[in-house]
Amino acid sequence: MTNRILIVLATVLLCALGAFWVFQGERVPEGNGLGEPQKVKVRQNKGVPKARRSSIRIAKNGRPNGNAVQGSPKVSRGKPAFVLDDDDEANLTEVQRQLIEAIRAALDEENKKEVLRLVQRLQKSPEWPDGIPKSIKMAAIEALGWFGASCLPELAGFLADADAEVVQSAIDKYEEMLSDFDLSDRERADILVQASKIITDADALDTMMSELNNMRHSVAIETIKRLMVEGNAAAKSVLPENVEFVTGEEDLNSPEKLDEWLKQNPDDEDDEEFYGGSSAEEKASDETDSSSRSASSKSGGSVAN
């Protein structure tokens, strides 16, 4: 009799323990079982299998990159339609109406060179910038943004506009380019550095710097060092917090400290494959062309119409 009672009590106890864990849910114990705390991964994507990480990029960017899972559907980006309000349409001159139609036609044909030529002509006109209707500026920004990072020199021309909506629209395009995972982390690093020189909105720059967390360690550290030197006051004001976010450490405020951190946190062997972006042949020519236009604008040189 006594044995039966003990068996019943043991059964009840086991059931109670099982119910307790069900109600508690799955809990990850703190530490590694050896009295040491578990390390928290700063970059959450690092522990995710490659196929899953590619899916994350597709979901965020809307377009798979060269490392995407086989068979993933390519999501095309819709081109801007440039539909104007009746009042905006009525206020355009015939020449301005022809200009916006020309931009629309060039975009429909995916003729980037023609879009760039039209925007460059616009920015060199005597009416620029205050005499150009906002609707045309917004159309030009949308067209440049659709073609991507190779249009940065022309896009930068809208950041000094007196209209806050125009400036914000240009900033939005910078943010979209930074989140484009068809680009490598090095290319996105260059966009971030360029933005840090000319965008004065600290909140916008703070948002853009979150992309440091989507770069391999070596590229992120090199970019941070560039931001320390080349960034404007707004960029430098939000940089320390972003450095801490990327590294998980405070007071990494010198190139020497950053280099020491990188020695302790080197790149993973698969980082080039994951962070390298797509390898299209046109990318090299785009970079050369963009650099040439940027140098021309800085030196005051003219661009052929």
Protein backbone atom coordinates (compact mmCIF):
# COMPACT_ATOMS: atom_id res chain seq x y z
CA MET A 1 0.00 0.00 0.00
CA THR A 2 2.79 2.34 0.94
CA ASN A 3 4.56 1.67 -2.38
CA ARG A 4 1.39 2.50 -4.34
CA ILE A 5 1.04 5.82 -2.50
CA LEU A 6 4.67 6.69 -3.28
CA ILE A 7 4.18 5.86 -6.96
CA VAL A 8 1.04 8.04 -7.13
CA LEU A 9 2.80 10.94 -5.40
CA ALA A 10 5.78 10.67 -7.77
CA THR A 11 3.47 10.68 -10.79
CA VAL A 12 1.62 13.74 -9.53
CA LEU A 13 4.91 15.51 -8.87
CA LEU A 14 6.19 14.81 -12.40
CA CYS A 15 2.93 16.06 -13.92
CA ALA A 16 3.12 19.21 -11.83
CA LEU A 17 6.69 19.88 -12.97
CA GLY A 18 5.67 19.35 -16.59
CA ALA A 19 2.79 21.78 -16.26
CA PHE A 20 5.08 24.32 -14.62
CA TRP A 21 7.45 24.33 -17.59
CA VAL A 22 4.58 24.54 -20.07
CA PHE A 23 3.21 27.64 -18.39
CA GLN A 24 6.66 29.15 -18.07
CA GLY A 25 7.28 28.74 -21.81
CA GLU A 26 10.65 28.25 -23.36
CA ARG A 27 13.25 30.18 -21.42
CA VAL A 28 16.87 30.47 -22.33
CA PRO A 29 18.96 30.16 -19.19
CA GLU A 30 21.39 32.95 -18.52
CA GLY A 31 25.06 32.11 -18.81
CA ASN A 32 26.71 29.18 -20.49
CA GLY A 33 26.37 26.73 -17.58
CA LEU A 34 29.93 27.45 -16.45
CA GLY A 35 29.23 30.55 -14.43
CA GLU A 36 30.07 32.87 -17.34
CA PRO A 37 27.54 35.19 -19.05
CA GLN A 38 26.66 34.45 -22.64
CA LYS A 39 28.02 36.87 -25.22
CA VAL A 40 25.39 38.99 -26.95
CA LYS A 41 25.83 39.21 -30.71
CA VAL A 42 25.90 42.84 -31.75
CA ARG A 43 25.05 42.10 -35.38
CA GLN A 44 21.96 39.94 -35.26
CA ASN A 45 22.32 38.70 -38.85
CA LYS A 46 25.68 37.06 -38.13
CA GLY A 47 24.19 33.96 -36.53
CA VAL A 48 21.58 33.39 -39.22
CA PRO A 49 22.18 30.78 -41.94
CA LYS A 50 23.05 32.23 -45.36
CA ALA A 51 19.77 31.25 -46.99
CA ARG A 52 17.83 32.88 -44.18
CA ARG A 53 20.01 36.00 -44.26
CA SER A 54 19.39 36.35 -47.98
CA SER A 55 15.67 36.17 -47.30
CA ILE A 56 16.05 38.94 -44.74
CA ARG A 57 17.72 41.11 -47.35
CA ILE A 58 15.05 40.37 -49.92
CA ALA A 59 12.32 41.25 -47.44
CA LYS A 60 13.99 44.52 -46.48
CA ASN A 61 15.10 45.67 -49.89
CA GLY A 62 12.38 44.31 -52.13
CA ARG A 63 14.95 42.93 -54.56
CA PRO A 64 17.16 39.85 -54.18
CA ASN A 65 20.89 40.29 -54.52
CA GLY A 66 23.37 38.02 -56.24
CA ASN A 67 23.51 35.75 -53.19
CA ALA A 68 19.77 35.22 -52.98
CA VAL A 69 18.26 31.79 -52.69
CA GLN A 70 17.80 30.02 -56.02
CA GLY A 71 14.31 30.46 -57.37
CA SER A 72 13.53 33.59 -55.38
CA PRO A 73 11.23 35.85 -57.40
CA LYS A 74 12.70 39.18 -58.50
CA VAL A 75 10.56 42.02 -57.24
CA SER A 76 10.59 44.94 -59.65
CA ARG A 77 10.45 48.49 -58.35
CA GLY A 78 7.64 50.61 -59.66
CA LYS A 79 8.76 53.66 -61.59
CA PRO A 80 7.54 57.09 -60.42
CA ALA A 81 4.47 58.21 -62.32
CA PHE A 82 4.88 61.99 -61.71
CA VAL A 83 1.13 62.54 -61.44
CA LEU A 84 0.70 66.25 -60.71
CA ASP A 85 -2.11 67.97 -58.88
CA ASP A 86 -4.33 70.13 -61.05
CA ASP A 87 -2.96 73.29 -59.44
CA ASP A 88 0.64 72.20 -60.01
CA GLU A 89 -0.12 71.31 -63.60
CA ALA A 90 -1.82 74.66 -64.22
CA ASN A 91 1.15 76.60 -62.83
CA LEU A 92 3.69 75.05 -65.21
CA THR A 93 4.83 76.93 -68.25
CA GLU A 94 4.88 75.13 -71.58
CA VAL A 95 8.66 74.73 -71.36
CA GLN A 96 8.37 73.30 -67.84
CA ARG A 97 5.61 70.94 -68.92
CA GLN A 98 7.80 69.69 -71.76
CA LEU A 99 10.67 69.18 -69.31
CA ILE A 100 8.68 67.01 -66.93
CA GLU A 101 7.31 65.02 -69.86
CA ALA A 102 10.86 64.51 -71.11
CA ILE A 103 11.95 63.22 -67.69
CA ARG A 104 8.96 60.89 -67.61
CA ALA A 105 9.72 59.56 -71.10
CA ALA A 106 13.40 59.00 -70.32
CA LEU A 107 12.49 57.12 -67.16
CA ASP A 108 9.98 54.95 -69.02
CA GLU A 109 12.77 54.01 -71.45
CA GLU A 110 15.19 53.52 -68.53
CA ASN A 111 17.49 56.03 -70.21
CA LYS A 112 19.63 57.14 -67.30
CA LYS A 113 21.96 59.30 -69.38
CA GLU A 114 19.03 61.33 -70.68
CA VAL A 115 17.60 61.78 -67.16
CA LEU A 116 21.00 62.98 -65.95
CA ARG A 117 21.31 65.35 -68.91
CA LEU A 118 17.87 66.85 -68.19
CA VAL A 119 18.55 67.27 -64.47
CA GLN A 120 21.97 68.79 -65.12
CA ARG A 121 20.38 71.25 -67.56
CA LEU A 122 17.77 72.08 -64.94
CA GLN A 123 20.39 72.72 -62.25
CA LYS A 124 22.39 74.97 -64.59
CA SER A 125 19.41 77.07 -65.67
CA PRO A 126 19.19 80.74 -64.58
CA GLU A 127 15.99 79.94 -62.65
CA TRP A 128 17.72 77.39 -60.41
CA PRO A 129 16.81 76.75 -57.69
CA ASP A 130 14.10 79.14 -56.50
CA GLY A 131 12.54 79.72 -59.90
CA ILE A 132 11.94 76.01 -60.53
CA PRO A 133 8.50 74.71 -59.44
CA LYS A 134 8.58 72.20 -56.61
CA SER A 135 6.69 69.65 -58.72
CA ILE A 136 9.55 69.52 -61.23
CA LYS A 137 12.16 69.22 -58.48
CA MET A 138 10.25 66.36 -56.89
CA ALA A 139 9.92 64.60 -60.25
CA ALA A 140 13.66 64.94 -60.84
CA ILE A 141 14.46 63.57 -57.38
CA GLU A 142 12.19 60.58 -57.92
CA ALA A 143 13.84 59.82 -61.25
CA LEU A 144 17.36 60.09 -59.81
CA GLY A 145 16.39 57.92 -56.85
CA TRP A 146 15.03 55.22 -59.12
CA PHE A 147 18.37 54.92 -60.94
CA GLY A 148 20.24 54.70 -57.66
CA ALA A 149 23.65 55.55 -56.26
CA SER A 150 25.24 56.46 -59.60
CA CYS A 151 23.10 59.64 -59.55
CA LEU A 152 24.38 60.98 -56.22
CA PRO A 153 26.13 64.09 -57.64
CA GLU A 154 22.85 65.32 -59.16
CA LEU A 155 20.80 64.30 -56.12
CA ALA A 156 23.12 66.26 -53.83
CA GLY A 157 22.16 69.42 -55.70
CA PHE A 158 18.71 69.33 -54.08
CA LEU A 159 19.94 69.24 -50.48
CA ALA A 160 20.47 73.00 -50.30
CA ASP A 161 16.97 73.83 -51.51
CA ALA A 162 14.94 76.40 -49.57
CA ASP A 163 11.91 74.10 -49.55
CA ALA A 164 12.08 71.61 -46.66
CA GLU A 165 9.92 69.09 -48.53
CA VAL A 166 12.36 69.02 -51.44
CA VAL A 167 15.30 68.51 -49.08
CA GLN A 168 13.49 65.74 -47.21
CA SER A 169 12.65 64.00 -50.47
CA ALA A 170 16.34 64.01 -51.44
CA ILE A 171 17.32 62.70 -47.99
CA ASP A 172 14.77 59.89 -48.36
CA LYS A 173 16.53 58.81 -51.55
CA TYR A 174 19.86 58.64 -49.74
CA GLU A 175 18.25 56.41 -47.13
CA GLU A 176 16.76 54.17 -49.82
CA MET A 177 20.15 53.81 -51.50
CA LEU A 178 21.79 52.89 -48.20
CA SER A 179 19.28 50.08 -47.68
CA ASP A 180 19.87 48.70 -51.19
CA PHE A 181 21.55 45.34 -50.63
CA ASP A 182 22.27 44.96 -54.32
CA LEU A 183 25.18 47.26 -53.41
CA SER A 184 28.17 45.98 -51.49
CA ASP A 185 28.86 47.20 -47.99
CA ARG A 186 31.81 49.20 -49.37
CA GLU A 187 29.55 51.01 -51.84
CA ARG A 188 27.00 51.78 -49.14
CA ALA A 189 29.84 52.99 -46.93
CA ASP A 190 30.82 55.53 -49.62
CA ILE A 191 27.20 56.75 -49.83
CA LEU A 192 27.10 57.17 -46.06
CA VAL A 193 30.36 59.15 -46.01
CA GLN A 194 29.16 61.41 -48.83
CA ALA A 195 25.87 61.98 -47.01
CA SER A 196 27.74 62.86 -43.81
CA LYS A 197 29.46 65.74 -45.59
CA ILE A 198 26.39 67.51 -46.96
CA ILE A 199 23.29 66.48 -44.99
CA THR A 200 22.83 68.63 -41.88
CA ASP A 201 19.82 66.83 -40.38
CA ALA A 202 21.29 64.95 -37.40
CA ASP A 203 18.25 62.70 -37.01
CA ALA A 204 18.45 61.65 -40.65
CA LEU A 205 22.17 60.96 -40.34
CA ASP A 206 21.55 58.96 -37.18
CA THR A 207 19.11 56.78 -39.11
CA MET A 208 21.56 56.36 -41.98
CA MET A 209 24.39 55.35 -39.64
CA SER A 210 22.37 52.35 -38.51
CA GLU A 211 23.57 50.81 -41.79
CA LEU A 212 27.01 50.48 -40.20
CA ASN A 213 25.53 47.46 -38.46
CA ASN A 214 24.93 45.85 -41.86
CA MET A 215 28.59 45.99 -42.88
CA ARG A 216 31.39 43.54 -42.21
CA HIS A 217 33.51 44.64 -39.28
CA SER A 218 36.50 45.81 -41.32
CA VAL A 219 34.34 48.01 -43.58
CA ALA A 220 32.32 49.38 -40.65
CA ILE A 221 35.47 50.36 -38.75
CA GLU A 222 37.07 51.97 -41.81
CA THR A 223 33.85 53.89 -42.45
CA ILE A 224 33.69 55.10 -38.85
CA LYS A 225 37.26 56.39 -39.13
CA ARG A 226 36.30 58.25 -42.31
CA LEU A 227 33.23 59.72 -40.63
CA MET A 228 35.41 60.97 -37.77
CA VAL A 229 37.51 62.97 -40.25
CA GLU A 230 35.17 63.82 -43.12
CA GLY A 231 31.77 64.09 -41.44
CA ASN A 232 30.20 67.46 -40.70
CA ALA A 233 29.18 68.64 -37.23
CA ALA A 234 25.76 66.96 -37.41
CA ALA A 235 27.33 63.64 -38.38
CA LYS A 236 29.93 63.80 -35.63
CA SER A 237 27.26 64.56 -33.04
CA VAL A 238 25.50 61.22 -33.61
CA LEU A 239 28.56 59.11 -34.44
CA PRO A 240 29.59 58.03 -30.89
CA GLU A 241 26.24 56.39 -30.15
CA ASN A 242 26.37 54.51 -33.44
CA VAL A 243 29.93 53.36 -32.79
CA GLU A 244 28.78 51.92 -29.48
CA PHE A 245 25.84 50.25 -31.22
CA VAL A 246 28.12 48.57 -33.78
CA THR A 247 30.93 47.54 -31.42
CA GLY A 248 29.08 47.08 -28.14
CA GLU A 249 31.75 49.18 -26.42
CA GLU A 250 31.98 52.76 -25.21
CA ASP A 251 34.72 55.34 -25.83
CA LEU A 252 36.14 53.88 -29.03
CA ASN A 253 36.94 57.43 -30.06
CA SER A 254 40.23 57.11 -31.89
CA PRO A 255 41.55 55.19 -34.91
CA GLU A 256 43.92 53.27 -32.62
CA LYS A 257 41.11 52.06 -30.36
CA LEU A 258 38.99 51.12 -33.35
CA ASP A 259 41.87 49.14 -34.89
CA GLU A 260 42.41 47.31 -31.62
CA TRP A 261 38.73 46.40 -31.48
CA LEU A 262 38.90 45.08 -35.04
CA LYS A 263 41.84 42.83 -34.10
CA GLN A 264 39.65 41.27 -31.45
CA ASN A 265 36.63 41.08 -33.78
CA PRO A 266 37.89 40.18 -37.26
CA ASP A 267 35.69 39.54 -40.28
CA ASP A 268 34.10 36.14 -40.77
CA GLU A 269 35.32 34.00 -43.64
CA ASP A 270 31.98 34.26 -45.47
CA ASP A 271 31.64 38.04 -45.15
CA GLU A 272 32.80 38.82 -48.67
CA GLU A 273 30.15 36.53 -50.11
CA PHE A 274 27.42 37.95 -47.91
CA TYR A 275 28.31 41.65 -47.93
CA GLY A 276 29.81 41.86 -51.43
CA GLY A 277 26.57 42.81 -53.21
CA SER A 278 25.75 42.11 -56.83
CA SER A 279 28.56 42.20 -59.40
CA ALA A 280 27.17 43.91 -62.48
CA GLU A 281 29.56 45.11 -65.19
CA GLU A 282 27.82 48.46 -65.41
CA LYS A 283 28.67 49.18 -61.77
CA ALA A 284 32.29 50.05 -62.56
CA SER A 285 31.33 52.43 -65.36
CA ASP A 286 28.65 53.99 -63.15
CA GLU A 287 31.21 54.69 -60.44
CA THR A 288 33.67 56.21 -62.92
CA ASP A 289 30.97 58.36 -64.50
CA SER A 290 29.62 59.47 -61.11
CA SER A 291 33.11 60.39 -59.85
CA SER A 292 33.76 62.40 -63.00
CA ARG A 293 30.53 64.38 -62.64
CA SER A 294 31.17 65.00 -58.95
CA ALA A 295 34.71 66.27 -59.64
CA SER A 296 33.39 68.49 -62.42
CA SER A 297 30.78 70.07 -60.16
CA LYS A 298 33.37 70.75 -57.44
CA SER A 299 35.79 72.39 -59.87
CA GLY A 300 33.11 74.43 -61.56
CA GLY A 301 33.58 72.58 -64.84
CA SER A 302 30.75 72.42 -67.34
CA VAL A 303 28.83 69.33 -68.34
CA ALA A 304 28.05 68.95 -72.00
CA ASN A 305 24.38 69.19 -72.92
